[in-house]
Amino acid sequence: MGNEMRRFILIGSMLILASATAFGQATPPAGAKPPVPAAPAAPAVPGTKVAVIDFEQALLESDAGKAAQAAFNKEMEPEKAKFDQLGKEVDDLSKKLQDAKTDAEKAPIRAELEKKNKEAQRLQQDAEEKSAMLRQKLLGPIAKIVNDAVDKYSKENNLALVLDPNTDPSNVIYSSKASDITSDVMRIMNAEYAKDPKIAAPAATPAAPAAKPNN
């Protein structure tokens, strides 16, 4: 029981997909005469290649992702300290229970262990809620950076489709190592992050509702 109470998962996988943006074509001002091209413009060539990416790896192992994880761990440190302290208390009580000889000695120890167990459940619930909020706050902006980098790389390399086999492995029967663009996307992400770390700034946390005055 002590080992399970000390269990603390600091970061879990999470894939946050940003929405695609539609681009419209600009129209000339009313009455303006469009220039006559010397020759018909060649039609845009659609992408013809397919690639795969490990979105989670790009999200968490890029420079921006590592910075977000460090911030996450720092924010969760108080919860971890509470779990560590509670785990020590449970271990001490468990040892006392083993050393107790009579039911009269064991009864209050069991009652205290039950109390600690309920406290651990409350701590676990609070930690999970805080963890989910922090993941959304810290990783949301990083997910957008991933998507922007994928978009840039796809346009530069004539890609028609980029798949993430980790979301549903049954969708990809085979992929060669050469088709994996994860490292290339991370290179673009790291370059953009180095130029402007503010692009990974945490999302704003929703304000808590104001407390109702007592009548």
N, C-alpha and C. Protein backbone atom coordinates (compact mmCIF):
# COMPACT_ATOMS: atom_id res chain seq x y z
N MET A 1 0.83 -1.21 0.00
CA MET A 1 0.00 0.00 0.00
C MET A 1 0.85 1.24 0.00
N GLY A 2 2.02 1.19 0.73
CA GLY A 2 2.89 2.36 0.76
C GLY A 2 3.45 2.72 -0.59
N ASN A 3 3.86 1.67 -1.37
CA ASN A 3 4.44 1.94 -2.68
C ASN A 3 3.42 2.59 -3.61
N GLU A 4 2.16 2.13 -3.54
CA GLU A 4 1.15 2.68 -4.44
C GLU A 4 0.82 4.12 -4.08
N MET A 5 0.85 4.46 -2.78
CA MET A 5 0.55 5.84 -2.39
C MET A 5 1.64 6.79 -2.83
N ARG A 6 2.86 6.28 -2.96
CA ARG A 6 3.95 7.15 -3.37
C ARG A 6 4.03 7.31 -4.86
N ARG A 7 3.24 6.53 -5.56
CA ARG A 7 3.31 6.59 -7.01
C ARG A 7 2.86 7.94 -7.52
N PHE A 8 3.68 8.55 -8.32
CA PHE A 8 3.34 9.91 -8.77
C PHE A 8 3.77 10.06 -10.21
N ILE A 9 2.82 10.17 -11.08
CA ILE A 9 3.14 10.32 -12.50
C ILE A 9 3.14 11.79 -12.84
N LEU A 10 4.32 12.33 -13.19
CA LEU A 10 4.44 13.77 -13.41
C LEU A 10 3.92 14.19 -14.77
N ILE A 11 4.11 13.35 -15.76
CA ILE A 11 3.60 13.82 -17.06
C ILE A 11 3.16 12.65 -17.90
N GLY A 12 2.07 12.80 -18.45
CA GLY A 12 1.52 11.78 -19.30
C GLY A 12 1.45 12.24 -20.72
N SER A 13 1.18 11.25 -21.54
CA SER A 13 1.12 11.63 -22.95
C SER A 13 -0.15 12.36 -23.26
N MET A 14 0.02 13.21 -24.01
CA MET A 14 -1.16 13.98 -24.43
C MET A 14 -0.92 14.50 -25.82
N LEU A 15 -1.90 14.28 -26.79
CA LEU A 15 -1.81 14.82 -28.15
C LEU A 15 -2.89 15.86 -28.32
N ILE A 16 -2.48 17.11 -28.56
CA ILE A 16 -3.44 18.19 -28.77
C ILE A 16 -3.30 18.67 -30.20
N LEU A 17 -4.34 18.50 -31.00
CA LEU A 17 -4.26 18.86 -32.41
C LEU A 17 -4.86 20.25 -32.64
N ALA A 18 -4.10 21.15 -33.30
CA ALA A 18 -4.62 22.50 -33.61
C ALA A 18 -5.46 22.45 -34.88
N SER A 19 -6.44 23.38 -34.99
CA SER A 19 -7.31 23.40 -36.18
C SER A 19 -6.56 23.92 -37.40
N ALA A 20 -6.94 23.45 -38.56
CA ALA A 20 -6.33 23.94 -39.81
C ALA A 20 -6.93 25.28 -40.18
N THR A 21 -6.14 26.16 -40.78
CA THR A 21 -6.62 27.50 -41.17
C THR A 21 -6.85 27.56 -42.67
N ALA A 22 -8.01 28.06 -43.05
CA ALA A 22 -8.32 28.16 -44.49
C ALA A 22 -7.82 29.49 -45.03
N PHE A 23 -7.22 29.46 -46.21
CA PHE A 23 -6.68 30.67 -46.83
C PHE A 23 -7.55 31.05 -48.02
N GLY A 24 -8.01 32.32 -48.04
CA GLY A 24 -8.79 32.80 -49.18
C GLY A 24 -7.92 33.56 -50.16
N GLN A 25 -8.36 33.67 -51.36
CA GLN A 25 -7.60 34.40 -52.38
C GLN A 25 -8.01 35.87 -52.35
N ALA A 26 -7.02 36.75 -52.47
CA ALA A 26 -7.30 38.19 -52.47
C ALA A 26 -7.93 38.59 -53.79
N THR A 27 -8.89 39.52 -53.72
CA THR A 27 -9.55 40.00 -54.93
C THR A 27 -9.11 41.42 -55.21
N PRO A 28 -8.96 41.82 -56.50
CA PRO A 28 -8.52 43.17 -56.83
C PRO A 28 -9.60 44.19 -56.50
N PRO A 29 -9.25 45.45 -56.27
CA PRO A 29 -10.25 46.48 -55.98
C PRO A 29 -11.23 46.63 -57.13
N ALA A 30 -12.45 47.11 -56.81
CA ALA A 30 -13.48 47.29 -57.84
C ALA A 30 -13.00 48.27 -58.90
N GLY A 31 -13.20 47.90 -60.16
CA GLY A 31 -12.83 48.77 -61.27
C GLY A 31 -11.40 48.61 -61.72
N ALA A 32 -10.58 47.94 -60.94
CA ALA A 32 -9.17 47.78 -61.33
C ALA A 32 -9.05 46.70 -62.39
N LYS A 33 -8.16 46.92 -63.36
CA LYS A 33 -7.96 45.95 -64.42
C LYS A 33 -6.78 45.05 -64.07
N PRO A 34 -7.04 43.76 -64.01
CA PRO A 34 -5.95 42.86 -63.66
C PRO A 34 -4.92 42.82 -64.77
N PRO A 35 -3.63 42.68 -64.43
CA PRO A 35 -2.59 42.62 -65.45
C PRO A 35 -2.75 41.38 -66.33
N VAL A 36 -2.43 41.55 -67.57
CA VAL A 36 -2.55 40.43 -68.51
C VAL A 36 -1.23 39.66 -68.50
N PRO A 37 -1.25 38.39 -68.11
CA PRO A 37 -0.01 37.62 -68.06
C PRO A 37 0.52 37.34 -69.46
N ALA A 38 1.82 37.28 -69.56
CA ALA A 38 2.45 36.99 -70.85
C ALA A 38 2.13 35.58 -71.30
N ALA A 39 1.97 34.67 -70.35
CA ALA A 39 1.67 33.27 -70.67
C ALA A 39 0.76 32.74 -69.58
N PRO A 40 -0.06 31.75 -69.89
CA PRO A 40 -0.94 31.18 -68.87
C PRO A 40 -0.12 30.67 -67.68
N ALA A 41 -0.60 30.99 -66.49
CA ALA A 41 0.10 30.54 -65.29
C ALA A 41 -0.05 29.04 -65.13
N ALA A 42 1.03 28.40 -64.75
CA ALA A 42 0.99 26.93 -64.55
C ALA A 42 0.16 26.62 -63.31
N PRO A 43 -0.67 25.60 -63.37
CA PRO A 43 -1.48 25.24 -62.20
C PRO A 43 -0.59 24.79 -61.05
N ALA A 44 -1.05 25.05 -59.82
CA ALA A 44 -0.28 24.66 -58.65
C ALA A 44 -0.16 23.14 -58.62
N VAL A 45 1.03 22.67 -58.31
CA VAL A 45 1.27 21.23 -58.26
C VAL A 45 0.95 20.73 -56.86
N PRO A 46 -0.01 19.83 -56.72
CA PRO A 46 -0.33 19.33 -55.39
C PRO A 46 0.78 18.45 -54.85
N GLY A 47 0.81 18.31 -53.52
CA GLY A 47 1.80 17.43 -52.92
C GLY A 47 1.60 16.00 -53.37
N THR A 48 2.68 15.27 -53.46
CA THR A 48 2.59 13.89 -53.95
C THR A 48 3.20 12.89 -52.97
N LYS A 49 3.82 13.36 -51.90
CA LYS A 49 4.53 12.46 -50.99
C LYS A 49 3.74 12.27 -49.69
N VAL A 50 4.02 11.15 -49.02
CA VAL A 50 3.41 10.84 -47.74
C VAL A 50 4.52 10.67 -46.71
N ALA A 51 4.31 11.20 -45.51
CA ALA A 51 5.31 11.07 -44.45
C ALA A 51 4.61 10.71 -43.14
N VAL A 52 5.42 10.30 -42.16
CA VAL A 52 4.89 10.00 -40.83
C VAL A 52 5.64 10.83 -39.81
N ILE A 53 4.98 11.06 -38.66
CA ILE A 53 5.60 11.84 -37.58
C ILE A 53 5.16 11.26 -36.25
N ASP A 54 6.04 11.30 -35.28
CA ASP A 54 5.70 10.97 -33.90
C ASP A 54 5.36 12.29 -33.21
N PHE A 55 4.08 12.62 -33.21
CA PHE A 55 3.63 13.92 -32.70
C PHE A 55 4.03 14.10 -31.24
N GLU A 56 3.87 13.05 -30.45
CA GLU A 56 4.16 13.16 -29.02
C GLU A 56 5.66 13.41 -28.80
N GLN A 57 6.51 12.76 -29.57
CA GLN A 57 7.95 12.99 -29.44
C GLN A 57 8.29 14.44 -29.77
N ALA A 58 7.72 14.95 -30.86
CA ALA A 58 7.97 16.34 -31.22
C ALA A 58 7.43 17.28 -30.14
N LEU A 59 6.31 16.92 -29.57
CA LEU A 59 5.68 17.76 -28.54
C LEU A 59 6.54 17.82 -27.28
N LEU A 60 7.06 16.68 -26.82
CA LEU A 60 7.71 16.61 -25.52
C LEU A 60 9.23 16.71 -25.58
N GLU A 61 9.85 16.32 -26.70
CA GLU A 61 11.31 16.28 -26.76
C GLU A 61 11.93 17.46 -27.51
N SER A 62 11.12 18.33 -28.05
CA SER A 62 11.64 19.56 -28.64
C SER A 62 12.10 20.47 -27.51
N ASP A 63 12.86 21.51 -27.85
CA ASP A 63 13.34 22.44 -26.83
C ASP A 63 12.17 23.09 -26.08
N ALA A 64 11.16 23.48 -26.82
CA ALA A 64 9.99 24.09 -26.18
C ALA A 64 9.28 23.10 -25.28
N GLY A 65 9.18 21.84 -25.74
CA GLY A 65 8.53 20.81 -24.95
C GLY A 65 9.28 20.51 -23.66
N LYS A 66 10.61 20.48 -23.75
CA LYS A 66 11.41 20.23 -22.54
C LYS A 66 11.24 21.36 -21.54
N ALA A 67 11.17 22.58 -22.04
CA ALA A 67 10.96 23.73 -21.14
C ALA A 67 9.59 23.63 -20.47
N ALA A 68 8.59 23.18 -21.24
CA ALA A 68 7.24 23.03 -20.68
C ALA A 68 7.23 21.93 -19.62
N GLN A 69 7.95 20.84 -19.86
CA GLN A 69 8.01 19.77 -18.86
C GLN A 69 8.68 20.23 -17.58
N ALA A 70 9.74 21.03 -17.71
CA ALA A 70 10.42 21.55 -16.53
C ALA A 70 9.47 22.44 -15.72
N ALA A 71 8.70 23.26 -16.42
CA ALA A 71 7.72 24.12 -15.74
C ALA A 71 6.63 23.28 -15.08
N PHE A 72 6.22 22.21 -15.76
CA PHE A 72 5.19 21.31 -15.22
C PHE A 72 5.69 20.67 -13.92
N ASN A 73 6.91 20.13 -13.95
CA ASN A 73 7.45 19.47 -12.77
C ASN A 73 7.57 20.43 -11.59
N LYS A 74 7.97 21.67 -11.88
CA LYS A 74 8.10 22.66 -10.82
C LYS A 74 6.74 22.98 -10.20
N GLU A 75 5.72 23.11 -11.05
CA GLU A 75 4.37 23.42 -10.56
C GLU A 75 3.81 22.26 -9.73
N MET A 76 4.18 21.01 -10.09
CA MET A 76 3.65 19.85 -9.39
C MET A 76 4.48 19.44 -8.18
N GLU A 77 5.57 20.15 -7.92
CA GLU A 77 6.46 19.79 -6.81
C GLU A 77 5.74 19.77 -5.46
N PRO A 78 4.86 20.74 -5.14
CA PRO A 78 4.15 20.67 -3.85
C PRO A 78 3.34 19.40 -3.68
N GLU A 79 2.66 18.96 -4.75
CA GLU A 79 1.87 17.74 -4.67
C GLU A 79 2.78 16.53 -4.46
N LYS A 80 3.92 16.52 -5.14
CA LYS A 80 4.86 15.41 -4.98
C LYS A 80 5.38 15.35 -3.54
N ALA A 81 5.67 16.52 -2.98
CA ALA A 81 6.16 16.57 -1.59
C ALA A 81 5.11 16.02 -0.63
N LYS A 82 3.84 16.35 -0.89
CA LYS A 82 2.76 15.85 -0.02
C LYS A 82 2.65 14.34 -0.12
N PHE A 83 2.78 13.80 -1.34
CA PHE A 83 2.72 12.36 -1.52
C PHE A 83 3.90 11.67 -0.82
N ASP A 84 5.08 12.26 -0.95
CA ASP A 84 6.26 11.66 -0.32
C ASP A 84 6.09 11.62 1.20
N GLN A 85 5.58 12.72 1.77
CA GLN A 85 5.39 12.77 3.21
C GLN A 85 4.32 11.77 3.65
N LEU A 86 3.24 11.70 2.89
CA LEU A 86 2.17 10.77 3.23
C LEU A 86 2.66 9.33 3.12
N GLY A 87 3.47 9.04 2.10
CA GLY A 87 4.01 7.69 1.95
C GLY A 87 4.88 7.30 3.13
N LYS A 88 5.68 8.25 3.64
CA LYS A 88 6.52 7.97 4.81
C LYS A 88 5.66 7.68 6.03
N GLU A 89 4.59 8.45 6.20
CA GLU A 89 3.70 8.23 7.34
C GLU A 89 3.03 6.87 7.26
N VAL A 90 2.63 6.47 6.06
CA VAL A 90 1.99 5.17 5.88
C VAL A 90 2.97 4.04 6.17
N ASP A 91 4.21 4.20 5.72
CA ASP A 91 5.23 3.18 6.00
C ASP A 91 5.46 3.02 7.50
N ASP A 92 5.52 4.16 8.20
CA ASP A 92 5.73 4.10 9.65
C ASP A 92 4.55 3.41 10.35
N LEU A 93 3.34 3.74 9.92
CA LEU A 93 2.16 3.12 10.52
C LEU A 93 2.11 1.63 10.21
N SER A 94 2.48 1.26 9.00
CA SER A 94 2.48 -0.16 8.62
C SER A 94 3.46 -0.95 9.47
N LYS A 95 4.61 -0.35 9.74
CA LYS A 95 5.61 -1.03 10.59
C LYS A 95 5.08 -1.18 12.02
N LYS A 96 4.41 -0.12 12.53
CA LYS A 96 3.83 -0.20 13.88
C LYS A 96 2.77 -1.29 13.95
N LEU A 97 1.98 -1.41 12.85
CA LEU A 97 0.94 -2.42 12.82
C LEU A 97 1.53 -3.82 12.86
N GLN A 98 2.65 -4.02 12.19
CA GLN A 98 3.30 -5.32 12.18
C GLN A 98 3.88 -5.65 13.56
N ASP A 99 4.35 -4.62 14.25
CA ASP A 99 4.96 -4.83 15.57
C ASP A 99 3.93 -4.96 16.69
N ALA A 100 2.69 -4.50 16.43
CA ALA A 100 1.66 -4.56 17.47
C ALA A 100 1.32 -6.01 17.80
N LYS A 101 1.08 -6.29 19.09
CA LYS A 101 0.85 -7.67 19.53
C LYS A 101 -0.63 -7.98 19.74
N THR A 102 -1.39 -7.01 20.21
CA THR A 102 -2.78 -7.26 20.54
C THR A 102 -3.72 -6.46 19.64
N ASP A 103 -5.00 -6.92 19.62
CA ASP A 103 -6.00 -6.20 18.84
C ASP A 103 -6.20 -4.78 19.36
N ALA A 104 -6.04 -4.60 20.67
CA ALA A 104 -6.20 -3.27 21.26
C ALA A 104 -5.13 -2.33 20.73
N GLU A 105 -3.93 -2.85 20.52
CA GLU A 105 -2.86 -2.02 19.97
C GLU A 105 -3.04 -1.77 18.48
N LYS A 106 -3.59 -2.76 17.76
CA LYS A 106 -3.71 -2.66 16.31
C LYS A 106 -4.86 -1.76 15.86
N ALA A 107 -5.94 -1.72 16.67
CA ALA A 107 -7.15 -0.99 16.26
C ALA A 107 -6.88 0.48 15.94
N PRO A 108 -6.24 1.25 16.83
CA PRO A 108 -6.01 2.67 16.50
C PRO A 108 -5.06 2.86 15.31
N ILE A 109 -4.13 1.91 15.14
CA ILE A 109 -3.21 2.02 14.00
C ILE A 109 -3.97 1.80 12.70
N ARG A 110 -4.87 0.81 12.69
CA ARG A 110 -5.68 0.56 11.50
C ARG A 110 -6.56 1.77 11.19
N ALA A 111 -7.12 2.39 12.23
CA ALA A 111 -7.97 3.56 12.03
C ALA A 111 -7.16 4.71 11.42
N GLU A 112 -5.92 4.89 11.89
CA GLU A 112 -5.07 5.95 11.36
C GLU A 112 -4.67 5.65 9.91
N LEU A 113 -4.42 4.37 9.60
CA LEU A 113 -4.10 3.99 8.23
C LEU A 113 -5.28 4.25 7.29
N GLU A 114 -6.48 3.98 7.78
CA GLU A 114 -7.67 4.25 6.98
C GLU A 114 -7.82 5.75 6.72
N LYS A 115 -7.51 6.53 7.72
CA LYS A 115 -7.57 7.99 7.57
C LYS A 115 -6.55 8.46 6.53
N LYS A 116 -5.34 7.91 6.58
CA LYS A 116 -4.31 8.27 5.62
C LYS A 116 -4.68 7.83 4.21
N ASN A 117 -5.37 6.70 4.11
CA ASN A 117 -5.79 6.21 2.81
C ASN A 117 -6.80 7.18 2.16
N LYS A 118 -7.74 7.68 2.94
CA LYS A 118 -8.70 8.65 2.43
C LYS A 118 -8.01 9.96 2.06
N GLU A 119 -7.03 10.35 2.85
CA GLU A 119 -6.27 11.57 2.55
C GLU A 119 -5.51 11.41 1.23
N ALA A 120 -4.96 10.21 1.02
CA ALA A 120 -4.22 9.94 -0.22
C ALA A 120 -5.15 10.01 -1.42
N GLN A 121 -6.37 9.52 -1.29
CA GLN A 121 -7.33 9.57 -2.39
C GLN A 121 -7.67 11.01 -2.75
N ARG A 122 -7.84 11.86 -1.73
CA ARG A 122 -8.13 13.27 -1.99
C ARG A 122 -6.94 13.94 -2.67
N LEU A 123 -5.73 13.64 -2.19
CA LEU A 123 -4.54 14.22 -2.80
C LEU A 123 -4.39 13.78 -4.25
N GLN A 124 -4.70 12.50 -4.51
CA GLN A 124 -4.59 11.98 -5.87
C GLN A 124 -5.56 12.70 -6.80
N GLN A 125 -6.78 12.89 -6.35
CA GLN A 125 -7.78 13.57 -7.17
C GLN A 125 -7.37 15.02 -7.44
N ASP A 126 -6.91 15.72 -6.41
CA ASP A 126 -6.48 17.11 -6.59
C ASP A 126 -5.29 17.20 -7.54
N ALA A 127 -4.35 16.25 -7.40
CA ALA A 127 -3.15 16.25 -8.25
C ALA A 127 -3.52 15.98 -9.71
N GLU A 128 -4.46 15.07 -9.93
CA GLU A 128 -4.88 14.77 -11.30
C GLU A 128 -5.55 15.97 -11.96
N GLU A 129 -6.39 16.67 -11.19
CA GLU A 129 -7.05 17.87 -11.74
C GLU A 129 -6.03 18.95 -12.06
N LYS A 130 -5.08 19.16 -11.17
CA LYS A 130 -4.04 20.18 -11.41
C LYS A 130 -3.17 19.77 -12.59
N SER A 131 -2.84 18.48 -12.68
CA SER A 131 -2.01 17.99 -13.78
C SER A 131 -2.69 18.21 -15.13
N ALA A 132 -3.99 17.90 -15.21
CA ALA A 132 -4.72 18.08 -16.47
C ALA A 132 -4.76 19.55 -16.87
N MET A 133 -4.97 20.42 -15.89
CA MET A 133 -5.01 21.87 -16.18
C MET A 133 -3.66 22.36 -16.68
N LEU A 134 -2.59 21.89 -16.04
CA LEU A 134 -1.25 22.33 -16.43
C LEU A 134 -0.87 21.81 -17.81
N ARG A 135 -1.25 20.56 -18.13
CA ARG A 135 -0.93 20.01 -19.45
C ARG A 135 -1.58 20.86 -20.54
N GLN A 136 -2.84 21.23 -20.32
CA GLN A 136 -3.53 22.05 -21.31
C GLN A 136 -2.88 23.43 -21.42
N LYS A 137 -2.52 23.99 -20.27
CA LYS A 137 -1.94 25.33 -20.24
C LYS A 137 -0.55 25.37 -20.87
N LEU A 138 0.28 24.37 -20.57
CA LEU A 138 1.67 24.39 -21.00
C LEU A 138 1.90 23.74 -22.36
N LEU A 139 1.16 22.67 -22.66
CA LEU A 139 1.41 21.94 -23.89
C LEU A 139 0.58 22.42 -25.07
N GLY A 140 -0.51 23.12 -24.79
CA GLY A 140 -1.34 23.63 -25.89
C GLY A 140 -0.55 24.49 -26.87
N PRO A 141 0.21 25.49 -26.38
CA PRO A 141 1.01 26.31 -27.30
C PRO A 141 2.08 25.50 -28.04
N ILE A 142 2.64 24.46 -27.39
CA ILE A 142 3.66 23.64 -28.04
C ILE A 142 3.04 22.84 -29.18
N ALA A 143 1.81 22.38 -28.99
CA ALA A 143 1.13 21.63 -30.06
C ALA A 143 0.95 22.49 -31.30
N LYS A 144 0.67 23.77 -31.09
CA LYS A 144 0.53 24.68 -32.24
C LYS A 144 1.87 24.83 -32.96
N ILE A 145 2.96 24.88 -32.19
CA ILE A 145 4.27 24.98 -32.82
C ILE A 145 4.56 23.74 -33.66
N VAL A 146 4.17 22.56 -33.15
CA VAL A 146 4.34 21.33 -33.92
C VAL A 146 3.58 21.42 -35.24
N ASN A 147 2.33 21.81 -35.17
CA ASN A 147 1.50 21.89 -36.37
C ASN A 147 2.04 22.91 -37.38
N ASP A 148 2.51 24.05 -36.87
CA ASP A 148 3.08 25.06 -37.77
C ASP A 148 4.33 24.53 -38.46
N ALA A 149 5.16 23.79 -37.71
CA ALA A 149 6.38 23.23 -38.28
C ALA A 149 6.06 22.15 -39.31
N VAL A 150 5.05 21.33 -39.03
CA VAL A 150 4.62 20.30 -39.99
C VAL A 150 4.12 20.96 -41.27
N ASP A 151 3.35 22.02 -41.11
CA ASP A 151 2.81 22.73 -42.28
C ASP A 151 3.95 23.31 -43.13
N LYS A 152 4.92 23.92 -42.46
CA LYS A 152 6.05 24.52 -43.18
C LYS A 152 6.86 23.44 -43.90
N TYR A 153 7.17 22.36 -43.21
CA TYR A 153 7.97 21.30 -43.81
C TYR A 153 7.23 20.65 -44.97
N SER A 154 5.92 20.46 -44.82
CA SER A 154 5.13 19.81 -45.87
C SER A 154 5.12 20.64 -47.15
N LYS A 155 4.98 21.95 -47.00
CA LYS A 155 4.97 22.82 -48.19
C LYS A 155 6.34 22.85 -48.86
N GLU A 156 7.39 22.82 -48.06
CA GLU A 156 8.74 22.89 -48.63
C GLU A 156 9.16 21.57 -49.29
N ASN A 157 8.51 20.47 -48.90
CA ASN A 157 8.95 19.16 -49.38
C ASN A 157 7.87 18.42 -50.16
N ASN A 158 6.87 19.15 -50.64
CA ASN A 158 5.86 18.58 -51.53
C ASN A 158 5.12 17.39 -50.91
N LEU A 159 4.73 17.53 -49.64
CA LEU A 159 4.00 16.46 -48.96
C LEU A 159 2.50 16.64 -49.15
N ALA A 160 1.83 15.52 -49.43
CA ALA A 160 0.38 15.56 -49.56
C ALA A 160 -0.31 15.11 -48.28
N LEU A 161 0.39 14.31 -47.47
CA LEU A 161 -0.25 13.73 -46.28
C LEU A 161 0.82 13.42 -45.25
N VAL A 162 0.52 13.73 -43.97
CA VAL A 162 1.40 13.38 -42.87
C VAL A 162 0.58 12.62 -41.84
N LEU A 163 1.02 11.42 -41.50
CA LEU A 163 0.30 10.56 -40.57
C LEU A 163 1.08 10.38 -39.28
N ASP A 164 0.34 10.15 -38.19
CA ASP A 164 0.96 9.80 -36.92
C ASP A 164 0.55 8.36 -36.58
N PRO A 165 1.42 7.37 -36.82
CA PRO A 165 1.06 5.98 -36.56
C PRO A 165 0.71 5.70 -35.11
N ASN A 166 1.19 6.54 -34.18
CA ASN A 166 0.94 6.28 -32.76
C ASN A 166 -0.51 6.53 -32.36
N THR A 167 -1.23 7.36 -33.12
CA THR A 167 -2.62 7.62 -32.78
C THR A 167 -3.50 6.42 -33.11
N ASP A 168 -3.19 5.74 -34.20
CA ASP A 168 -3.91 4.53 -34.58
C ASP A 168 -2.99 3.69 -35.48
N PRO A 169 -2.20 2.78 -34.89
CA PRO A 169 -1.24 2.00 -35.67
C PRO A 169 -1.86 1.21 -36.81
N SER A 170 -3.15 0.89 -36.71
CA SER A 170 -3.79 0.10 -37.76
C SER A 170 -3.92 0.89 -39.06
N ASN A 171 -3.77 2.22 -38.97
CA ASN A 171 -3.89 3.04 -40.18
C ASN A 171 -2.65 2.97 -41.06
N VAL A 172 -1.52 2.55 -40.49
CA VAL A 172 -0.26 2.50 -41.24
C VAL A 172 0.25 1.07 -41.25
N ILE A 173 0.27 0.46 -42.43
CA ILE A 173 0.75 -0.91 -42.55
C ILE A 173 2.27 -0.95 -42.59
N TYR A 174 2.87 0.01 -43.29
CA TYR A 174 4.33 0.04 -43.41
C TYR A 174 4.79 1.48 -43.59
N SER A 175 5.92 1.80 -42.98
CA SER A 175 6.56 3.10 -43.22
C SER A 175 8.06 2.92 -43.06
N SER A 176 8.83 3.48 -43.98
CA SER A 176 10.28 3.39 -43.90
C SER A 176 10.81 4.49 -43.00
N LYS A 177 12.03 4.30 -42.52
CA LYS A 177 12.64 5.32 -41.67
C LYS A 177 12.80 6.64 -42.41
N ALA A 178 13.00 6.55 -43.72
CA ALA A 178 13.18 7.76 -44.51
C ALA A 178 11.93 8.62 -44.55
N SER A 179 10.77 7.99 -44.29
CA SER A 179 9.52 8.75 -44.34
C SER A 179 9.20 9.45 -43.02
N ASP A 180 9.99 9.18 -41.98
CA ASP A 180 9.75 9.78 -40.66
C ASP A 180 10.35 11.18 -40.63
N ILE A 181 9.50 12.19 -40.46
CA ILE A 181 9.96 13.58 -40.50
C ILE A 181 10.03 14.20 -39.10
N THR A 182 9.94 13.36 -38.05
CA THR A 182 9.91 13.90 -36.69
C THR A 182 11.12 14.77 -36.39
N SER A 183 12.32 14.28 -36.70
CA SER A 183 13.53 15.06 -36.39
C SER A 183 13.58 16.35 -37.20
N ASP A 184 13.12 16.31 -38.45
CA ASP A 184 13.11 17.51 -39.28
C ASP A 184 12.14 18.56 -38.71
N VAL A 185 10.98 18.09 -38.27
CA VAL A 185 10.00 19.00 -37.68
C VAL A 185 10.54 19.59 -36.38
N MET A 186 11.20 18.77 -35.57
CA MET A 186 11.77 19.27 -34.32
C MET A 186 12.86 20.29 -34.60
N ARG A 187 13.62 20.10 -35.67
CA ARG A 187 14.65 21.07 -36.03
C ARG A 187 14.02 22.43 -36.34
N ILE A 188 12.91 22.43 -37.09
CA ILE A 188 12.21 23.67 -37.39
C ILE A 188 11.65 24.30 -36.12
N MET A 189 11.06 23.45 -35.26
CA MET A 189 10.51 23.94 -33.99
C MET A 189 11.59 24.59 -33.14
N ASN A 190 12.73 23.93 -33.02
CA ASN A 190 13.80 24.45 -32.17
C ASN A 190 14.34 25.78 -32.70
N ALA A 191 14.41 25.89 -34.03
CA ALA A 191 14.88 27.14 -34.63
C ALA A 191 13.90 28.28 -34.34
N GLU A 192 12.61 28.01 -34.48
CA GLU A 192 11.60 29.04 -34.21
C GLU A 192 11.59 29.41 -32.73
N TYR A 193 11.73 28.41 -31.87
CA TYR A 193 11.72 28.66 -30.43
C TYR A 193 12.95 29.47 -30.01
N ALA A 194 14.09 29.17 -30.64
CA ALA A 194 15.32 29.92 -30.32
C ALA A 194 15.19 31.39 -30.71
N LYS A 195 14.48 31.65 -31.81
CA LYS A 195 14.30 33.03 -32.25
C LYS A 195 13.34 33.79 -31.34
N ASP A 196 12.32 33.09 -30.85
CA ASP A 196 11.31 33.76 -30.03
C ASP A 196 10.69 32.77 -29.04
N PRO A 197 11.28 32.62 -27.85
CA PRO A 197 10.74 31.69 -26.85
C PRO A 197 9.31 32.01 -26.42
N LYS A 198 8.87 33.25 -26.68
CA LYS A 198 7.52 33.63 -26.27
C LYS A 198 6.44 32.88 -27.04
N ILE A 199 6.80 32.25 -28.16
CA ILE A 199 5.78 31.50 -28.92
C ILE A 199 5.29 30.29 -28.14
N ALA A 200 6.05 29.90 -27.11
CA ALA A 200 5.64 28.76 -26.27
C ALA A 200 5.08 29.22 -24.94
N ALA A 201 4.72 30.50 -24.85
CA ALA A 201 4.19 31.03 -23.58
C ALA A 201 2.93 30.27 -23.19
N PRO A 202 2.79 29.94 -21.89
CA PRO A 202 1.61 29.19 -21.44
C PRO A 202 0.31 29.90 -21.78
N ALA A 203 -0.70 29.11 -22.09
CA ALA A 203 -2.02 29.67 -22.36
C ALA A 203 -2.57 30.28 -21.08
N ALA A 204 -3.43 31.27 -21.24
CA ALA A 204 -4.02 31.94 -20.07
C ALA A 204 -4.91 30.96 -19.32
N THR A 205 -4.80 30.99 -18.00
CA THR A 205 -5.65 30.14 -17.16
C THR A 205 -6.98 30.83 -16.93
N PRO A 206 -8.11 30.13 -17.18
CA PRO A 206 -9.41 30.75 -16.95
C PRO A 206 -9.56 31.24 -15.53
N ALA A 207 -10.12 32.42 -15.37
CA ALA A 207 -10.30 32.99 -14.03
C ALA A 207 -11.35 32.20 -13.26
N ALA A 208 -11.12 32.02 -11.99
CA ALA A 208 -12.08 31.30 -11.14
C ALA A 208 -13.31 32.17 -10.94
N PRO A 209 -14.52 31.56 -10.90
CA PRO A 209 -15.73 32.36 -10.71
C PRO A 209 -15.72 33.08 -9.38
N ALA A 210 -16.23 34.28 -9.36
CA ALA A 210 -16.25 35.07 -8.12
C ALA A 210 -17.19 34.42 -7.10
N ALA A 211 -16.78 34.47 -5.84
CA ALA A 211 -17.58 33.88 -4.78
C ALA A 211 -18.84 34.72 -4.57
N LYS A 212 -19.96 34.03 -4.38
CA LYS A 212 -21.22 34.72 -4.13
C LYS A 212 -21.25 35.26 -2.71
N PRO A 213 -21.69 36.51 -2.52
CA PRO A 213 -21.75 37.06 -1.15
C PRO A 213 -22.79 36.33 -0.32
N ASN A 214 -22.48 36.19 0.94
CA ASN A 214 -23.44 35.54 1.86
C ASN A 214 -24.58 36.50 2.20
N ASN A 215 -25.79 36.01 2.11
CA ASN A 215 -26.95 36.83 2.45
C ASN A 215 -27.21 36.79 3.94
